[in-house]
Amino acid sequence: MLSKFMRPVALLGSILASLSMTTLASAQTWPTKPVRIVLQFPPGGSTDVVARILGQSMTTSLGQPVIVENKPGADGAIAAEYVMRAEPDGHTYFLASNTPMMQVPLLKKNPPYDPMKNFTPISLVGRYIYVLVASPSLPANTAAELINYGRNNPGKLNYGSYSGVTQLMFTKLKDNAKMDLNLIPYKGEGPTVNDILGGHVQLTFATPTSTQAHIKEGKLKALAILLPKRSALMPNVPTADEAGVPPLGADTWAALFGPANVPPAIATRMSEALNTAMRNAEVSEKIARQGFDLAGSTPQELGDFMQVQLKGWAKAFADSGLLPE
């Protein structure tokens, strides 16, 4: 017979075992309805295309439709808060870039959420590819020539910036290369590239999606690609390291998150389904055309990655003089 002191312990053990069995059972039957992947971007962009390609593949493996929902605005905070408030039953996720998960919490005095406490890490999805592009009218054909020209002609070059990421990149480039460049702010990548084509600005960082055709036609100069190795999309464009571009201290990525408290077994199954889709040759080939470098992970690896990224981005913002507002 259990003593009166042991009964509560036994009861607690029974409750925990029951909860564990319930969680396991729910993971085995999951998903029981369509799975939603929420995006911070409007339809048609590279992230939207990537999400739909992955979702189509995951629909087959999960046995339920994977639906992409677009909720743009507020640097991704609208989509983030929507997912943060969703039921943690494994049916709603946020495919987020570093902007809502790094810039929003780090550059606001009163952040609307904590990326570590209010979300469940599922998997890294990959990294965005950025290319340093210039107008053909710029009297420089390499990054080294650009830096030399910029140093010798202070204040004569204009650069277009349309996000916290591109602003940080140019801030670091200017500081490290000792160049005096003029900022021209834009609301999006498309208008920035259009103004370079029109000769109104000379430089920007942009994705292959918006620049590749113009580079092939000679309407833009590609000076460097921000990857550790050359891209099959642009094999003739040197990496930043090869081109002599100083380290820019910005890692631009996308990852999948659920609301806080998604059961670990479901988070693991979702991560496995996503990573299986990314390993599919047809899927990876389609996504490579979007200028996106796939890279998956486990939930634990994404959580560790986030810790490192938050420290790195905080330092990069502080070094660049970008303070919370």
Protein backbone atom coordinates (compact mmCIF):
# COMPACT_ATOMS: atom_id res chain seq x y z
CA MET A 1 0.00 0.00 0.00
CA LEU A 2 1.29 3.46 -0.90
CA SER A 3 1.97 5.80 2.00
CA LYS A 4 0.11 9.11 2.10
CA PHE A 5 3.36 10.79 1.06
CA MET A 6 3.81 8.60 -2.01
CA ARG A 7 0.24 8.89 -3.29
CA PRO A 8 0.64 12.44 -4.70
CA VAL A 9 3.86 11.39 -6.44
CA ALA A 10 2.16 8.36 -7.97
CA LEU A 11 -0.80 10.50 -9.01
CA LEU A 12 1.52 13.05 -10.66
CA GLY A 13 3.33 10.27 -12.50
CA SER A 14 0.01 8.90 -13.74
CA ILE A 15 -1.05 12.36 -14.98
CA LEU A 16 2.24 12.91 -16.79
CA ALA A 17 2.07 9.49 -18.41
CA SER A 18 -1.48 10.19 -19.53
CA LEU A 19 -0.47 13.55 -21.00
CA SER A 20 2.45 11.94 -22.77
CA MET A 21 0.20 9.27 -24.30
CA THR A 22 -2.32 11.93 -25.36
CA THR A 23 0.40 14.01 -27.03
CA LEU A 24 1.77 10.96 -28.80
CA ALA A 25 -1.70 9.97 -29.97
CA SER A 26 -2.39 13.49 -31.31
CA ALA A 27 0.94 13.46 -33.17
CA GLN A 28 0.09 10.11 -34.76
CA THR A 29 -3.27 11.36 -36.03
CA TRP A 30 -1.98 14.81 -37.04
CA PRO A 31 -2.80 16.53 -39.33
CA THR A 32 -6.58 16.29 -39.10
CA LYS A 33 -7.34 19.33 -41.30
CA PRO A 34 -5.56 21.57 -43.83
CA VAL A 35 -2.18 22.95 -42.75
CA ARG A 36 -1.71 26.70 -43.23
CA ILE A 37 1.60 28.38 -44.00
CA VAL A 38 1.36 32.13 -43.46
CA LEU A 39 3.67 34.52 -45.32
CA GLN A 40 4.62 38.14 -44.67
CA PHE A 41 4.87 38.79 -48.42
CA PRO A 42 2.20 39.41 -51.08
CA PRO A 43 1.56 36.78 -53.77
CA GLY A 44 3.97 36.42 -56.66
CA GLY A 45 7.34 37.02 -55.00
CA SER A 46 10.11 34.48 -54.64
CA THR A 47 9.13 33.48 -51.07
CA ASP A 48 5.52 32.98 -52.13
CA VAL A 49 6.61 30.74 -55.02
CA VAL A 50 8.98 28.77 -52.75
CA ALA A 51 6.20 28.24 -50.17
CA ARG A 52 3.74 27.01 -52.80
CA ILE A 53 6.24 24.59 -54.34
CA LEU A 54 7.06 23.13 -50.92
CA GLY A 55 3.39 23.11 -49.90
CA GLN A 56 2.37 21.15 -52.97
CA SER A 57 4.98 18.49 -52.21
CA MET A 58 4.04 18.35 -48.51
CA THR A 59 0.34 17.98 -49.35
CA THR A 60 1.13 14.53 -50.75
CA SER A 61 3.22 13.39 -47.78
CA LEU A 62 0.95 14.80 -45.05
CA GLY A 63 -2.31 13.65 -46.59
CA GLN A 64 -3.89 17.08 -46.02
CA PRO A 65 -3.84 20.23 -48.17
CA VAL A 66 -1.06 22.70 -47.35
CA ILE A 67 -2.48 26.17 -47.95
CA VAL A 68 -0.38 29.33 -48.33
CA GLU A 69 -1.90 32.51 -46.87
CA ASN A 70 -0.43 35.96 -47.58
CA LYS A 71 -0.60 38.55 -44.79
CA PRO A 72 1.83 41.33 -45.77
CA GLY A 73 2.57 44.53 -43.87
CA ALA A 74 4.44 46.01 -40.90
CA ASP A 75 7.76 44.32 -41.82
CA GLY A 76 6.14 40.92 -41.30
CA ALA A 77 4.74 41.70 -37.85
CA ILE A 78 1.13 41.25 -39.04
CA ALA A 79 1.80 37.69 -40.18
CA ALA A 80 3.93 36.97 -37.11
CA GLU A 81 1.26 38.11 -34.64
CA TYR A 82 -1.41 36.19 -36.53
CA VAL A 83 0.51 32.92 -36.14
CA MET A 84 1.55 33.76 -32.59
CA ARG A 85 -2.14 33.86 -31.59
CA ALA A 86 -3.10 30.67 -33.46
CA GLU A 87 -3.93 27.43 -31.68
CA PRO A 88 -0.72 25.41 -31.15
CA ASP A 89 -2.27 22.29 -32.68
CA GLY A 90 0.23 21.98 -35.51
CA HIS A 91 -2.01 23.33 -38.27
CA THR A 92 -0.73 26.93 -38.54
CA TYR A 93 2.84 28.03 -39.31
CA PHE A 94 4.81 31.14 -40.20
CA LEU A 95 7.33 30.99 -43.04
CA ALA A 96 9.35 33.99 -41.89
CA SER A 97 12.36 35.86 -43.16
CA ASN A 98 14.88 37.37 -40.78
CA THR A 99 13.04 40.73 -40.94
CA PRO A 100 10.12 39.91 -38.58
CA MET A 101 12.23 37.56 -36.45
CA MET A 102 15.32 39.81 -36.10
CA GLN A 103 14.68 43.43 -37.15
CA VAL A 104 11.21 43.81 -35.64
CA PRO A 105 12.11 42.57 -32.12
CA LEU A 106 15.57 44.16 -32.12
CA LEU A 107 14.75 47.58 -33.58
CA LYS A 108 11.57 48.37 -31.64
CA LYS A 109 11.63 49.71 -28.09
CA ASN A 110 8.37 47.84 -27.42
CA PRO A 111 8.58 44.68 -29.54
CA PRO A 112 5.19 43.05 -30.30
CA TYR A 113 6.61 39.57 -29.61
CA ASP A 114 9.66 37.58 -28.56
CA PRO A 115 10.91 35.33 -31.40
CA MET A 116 12.22 32.74 -28.92
CA LYS A 117 9.32 32.68 -26.43
CA ASN A 118 6.29 33.20 -28.67
CA PHE A 119 7.13 30.71 -31.42
CA THR A 120 8.05 27.05 -31.84
CA PRO A 121 11.02 26.48 -34.17
CA ILE A 122 10.29 23.91 -36.90
CA SER A 123 13.02 24.08 -39.56
CA LEU A 124 15.36 26.37 -41.38
CA VAL A 125 14.20 26.61 -45.01
CA GLY A 126 17.11 28.37 -46.66
CA ARG A 127 18.87 31.60 -47.48
CA TYR A 128 18.00 34.45 -49.79
CA ILE A 129 20.54 35.24 -52.46
CA TYR A 130 21.47 38.89 -52.88
CA VAL A 131 23.49 40.37 -55.71
CA LEU A 132 25.28 43.71 -55.65
CA VAL A 133 24.13 45.26 -58.94
CA ALA A 134 25.09 48.52 -60.60
CA SER A 135 23.95 50.69 -63.48
CA PRO A 136 25.90 50.16 -66.75
CA SER A 137 26.70 53.88 -66.61
CA LEU A 138 28.81 53.37 -63.49
CA PRO A 139 32.50 53.58 -64.47
CA ALA A 140 33.33 50.37 -62.58
CA ASN A 141 33.04 46.78 -63.72
CA THR A 142 34.14 45.02 -60.54
CA ALA A 143 33.55 45.48 -56.82
CA ALA A 144 37.17 46.55 -56.39
CA GLU A 145 36.75 49.23 -59.06
CA LEU A 146 33.51 50.35 -57.40
CA ILE A 147 35.23 50.77 -54.04
CA ASN A 148 38.12 52.66 -55.65
CA TYR A 149 35.71 54.94 -57.52
CA GLY A 150 33.56 55.51 -54.44
CA ARG A 151 36.57 56.50 -52.34
CA ASN A 152 37.84 58.93 -54.97
CA ASN A 153 34.42 60.45 -55.72
CA PRO A 154 32.72 61.01 -52.35
CA GLY A 155 29.01 61.81 -52.52
CA LYS A 156 28.67 61.13 -56.25
CA LEU A 157 27.04 57.70 -56.06
CA ASN A 158 23.45 56.99 -55.04
CA TYR A 159 22.27 53.65 -53.72
CA GLY A 160 18.73 52.37 -53.40
CA SER A 161 17.62 50.68 -50.17
CA TYR A 162 14.18 49.13 -49.66
CA SER A 163 14.49 47.16 -46.41
CA GLY A 164 16.31 46.95 -43.10
CA VAL A 165 18.49 44.22 -44.60
CA THR A 166 19.64 46.24 -47.62
CA GLN A 167 20.18 49.31 -45.44
CA LEU A 168 22.35 47.30 -43.07
CA MET A 169 24.31 45.86 -46.01
CA PHE A 170 25.05 49.29 -47.44
CA THR A 171 25.87 50.77 -44.03
CA LYS A 172 28.46 48.03 -43.50
CA LEU A 173 29.75 48.36 -47.08
CA LYS A 174 30.20 52.12 -46.75
CA ASP A 175 31.89 51.90 -43.37
CA ASN A 176 34.19 48.99 -44.22
CA ALA A 177 35.17 50.29 -47.66
CA LYS A 178 35.44 53.93 -46.49
CA MET A 179 33.01 55.22 -49.16
CA ASP A 180 30.64 58.19 -49.03
CA LEU A 181 27.39 57.09 -50.74
CA ASN A 182 23.95 58.76 -50.84
CA LEU A 183 20.88 56.84 -49.64
CA ILE A 184 17.74 56.91 -51.80
CA PRO A 185 14.96 55.08 -49.90
CA TYR A 186 12.40 52.90 -51.69
CA LYS A 187 9.34 50.90 -50.65
CA GLY A 188 10.22 47.77 -52.58
CA GLU A 189 12.79 45.85 -54.59
CA GLY A 190 10.99 46.27 -57.92
CA PRO A 191 10.92 50.09 -57.92
CA THR A 192 14.57 50.18 -56.81
CA VAL A 193 15.71 47.99 -59.72
CA ASN A 194 13.56 50.00 -62.12
CA ASP A 195 15.26 53.23 -61.04
CA ILE A 196 18.70 51.69 -61.58
CA LEU A 197 17.58 50.69 -65.09
CA GLY A 198 16.40 54.28 -65.54
CA GLY A 199 19.71 55.72 -64.33
CA HIS A 200 18.30 57.46 -61.25
CA VAL A 201 20.43 55.46 -58.79
CA GLN A 202 23.63 53.50 -59.39
CA LEU A 203 23.63 50.66 -56.86
CA THR A 204 21.50 48.26 -54.87
CA PHE A 205 21.44 44.77 -53.38
CA ALA A 206 18.68 42.71 -55.02
CA THR A 207 17.64 39.11 -55.62
CA PRO A 208 18.25 37.15 -58.84
CA THR A 209 14.46 37.03 -59.33
CA SER A 210 14.37 40.76 -60.13
CA THR A 211 17.81 41.14 -61.71
CA GLN A 212 18.84 37.98 -63.57
CA ALA A 213 17.17 38.82 -66.90
CA HIS A 214 18.53 42.38 -66.84
CA ILE A 215 22.04 41.12 -66.08
CA LYS A 216 21.91 38.71 -69.03
CA GLU A 217 20.75 41.54 -71.31
CA GLY A 218 23.57 43.82 -70.13
CA LYS A 219 21.16 46.31 -68.54
CA LEU A 220 22.68 45.73 -65.09
CA LYS A 221 26.19 44.95 -63.89
CA ALA A 222 26.51 42.14 -61.33
CA LEU A 223 29.50 42.92 -59.11
CA ALA A 224 29.19 40.24 -56.40
CA ILE A 225 26.83 37.60 -55.06
CA LEU A 226 26.40 37.24 -51.30
CA LEU A 227 26.98 33.52 -50.95
CA PRO A 228 29.89 31.44 -49.64
CA LYS A 229 30.16 29.80 -53.08
CA ARG A 230 29.13 30.79 -56.60
CA SER A 231 25.54 30.21 -57.63
CA ALA A 232 24.57 27.95 -60.54
CA LEU A 233 22.13 30.72 -61.49
CA MET A 234 24.97 33.18 -62.05
CA PRO A 235 28.19 31.15 -62.35
CA ASN A 236 30.17 34.09 -63.73
CA VAL A 237 29.36 36.39 -60.80
CA PRO A 238 32.06 36.24 -58.08
CA THR A 239 31.21 35.75 -54.43
CA ALA A 240 31.66 38.72 -52.11
CA ASP A 241 34.86 37.17 -50.80
CA GLU A 242 36.24 36.63 -54.31
CA ALA A 243 35.25 40.16 -55.32
CA GLY A 244 36.92 41.76 -52.31
CA VAL A 245 33.68 43.04 -50.77
CA PRO A 246 34.18 43.54 -47.00
CA PRO A 247 32.08 41.30 -44.69
CA LEU A 248 28.58 42.77 -44.44
CA GLY A 249 27.48 41.04 -41.23
CA ALA A 250 24.02 40.08 -42.50
CA ASP A 251 22.72 36.54 -42.94
CA THR A 252 19.42 36.65 -44.83
CA TRP A 253 17.30 33.54 -44.36
CA ALA A 254 13.83 32.04 -44.14
CA ALA A 255 12.58 29.53 -41.58
CA LEU A 256 9.35 27.88 -40.47
CA PHE A 257 7.83 28.54 -37.04
CA GLY A 258 4.67 27.53 -35.25
CA PRO A 259 3.02 29.35 -32.37
CA ALA A 260 4.46 28.66 -28.93
CA ASN A 261 3.78 25.24 -27.40
CA VAL A 262 3.32 23.13 -30.53
CA PRO A 263 3.78 19.56 -29.21
CA PRO A 264 7.37 18.40 -29.86
CA ALA A 265 6.23 15.26 -31.68
CA ILE A 266 4.16 17.32 -34.12
CA ALA A 267 6.95 19.87 -34.58
CA THR A 268 9.31 17.01 -35.43
CA ARG A 269 6.88 15.46 -37.91
CA MET A 270 6.30 18.82 -39.61
CA SER A 271 10.06 19.41 -39.79
CA GLU A 272 10.60 15.96 -41.30
CA ALA A 273 7.87 16.53 -43.90
CA LEU A 274 9.37 19.87 -44.88
CA ASN A 275 12.91 18.52 -45.11
CA THR A 276 11.72 15.55 -47.18
CA ALA A 277 10.11 17.98 -49.63
CA MET A 278 13.33 20.02 -49.83
CA ARG A 279 15.34 16.90 -50.68
CA ASN A 280 13.07 16.11 -53.64
CA ALA A 281 15.11 16.72 -56.81
CA GLU A 282 12.21 18.22 -58.77
CA VAL A 283 11.28 20.52 -55.90
CA SER A 284 14.85 21.73 -55.31
CA GLU A 285 15.33 22.38 -59.04
CA LYS A 286 12.20 24.53 -59.22
CA ILE A 287 13.20 26.49 -56.12
CA ALA A 288 16.77 27.03 -57.35
CA ARG A 289 15.29 29.01 -60.25
CA GLN A 290 13.87 31.47 -57.69
CA GLY A 291 17.33 32.44 -56.49
CA PHE A 292 16.81 30.75 -53.13
CA ASP A 293 19.38 28.47 -51.49
CA LEU A 294 17.56 25.62 -49.69
CA ALA A 295 18.90 24.46 -46.32
CA GLY A 296 16.84 22.51 -43.79
CA SER A 297 17.29 21.67 -40.11
CA THR A 298 15.72 20.00 -37.10
CA PRO A 299 13.64 22.08 -34.64
CA GLN A 300 16.54 22.01 -32.16
CA GLU A 301 19.03 23.16 -34.78
CA LEU A 302 16.76 26.06 -35.76
CA GLY A 303 16.42 27.06 -32.10
CA ASP A 304 20.21 27.09 -31.73
CA PHE A 305 20.55 28.99 -35.02
CA MET A 306 18.10 31.64 -33.77
CA GLN A 307 20.14 32.25 -30.62
CA VAL A 308 23.27 32.87 -32.68
CA GLN A 309 21.40 35.03 -35.20
CA LEU A 310 19.85 37.28 -32.55
CA LYS A 311 23.29 38.01 -31.09
CA GLY A 312 24.79 38.57 -34.54
CA TRP A 313 22.03 40.87 -35.76
CA ALA A 314 22.04 42.86 -32.50
CA LYS A 315 25.77 43.47 -32.90
CA ALA A 316 25.42 44.33 -36.59
CA PHE A 317 22.67 46.88 -35.84
CA ALA A 318 24.65 48.41 -32.98
CA ASP A 319 27.86 48.61 -35.05
CA SER A 320 25.90 50.32 -37.84
CA GLY A 321 24.29 52.85 -35.50
CA LEU A 322 20.78 51.43 -36.04
CA LEU A 323 18.99 51.80 -32.68
CA PRO A 324 15.51 50.75 -31.46
CA GLU A 325 12.80 53.28 -32.23
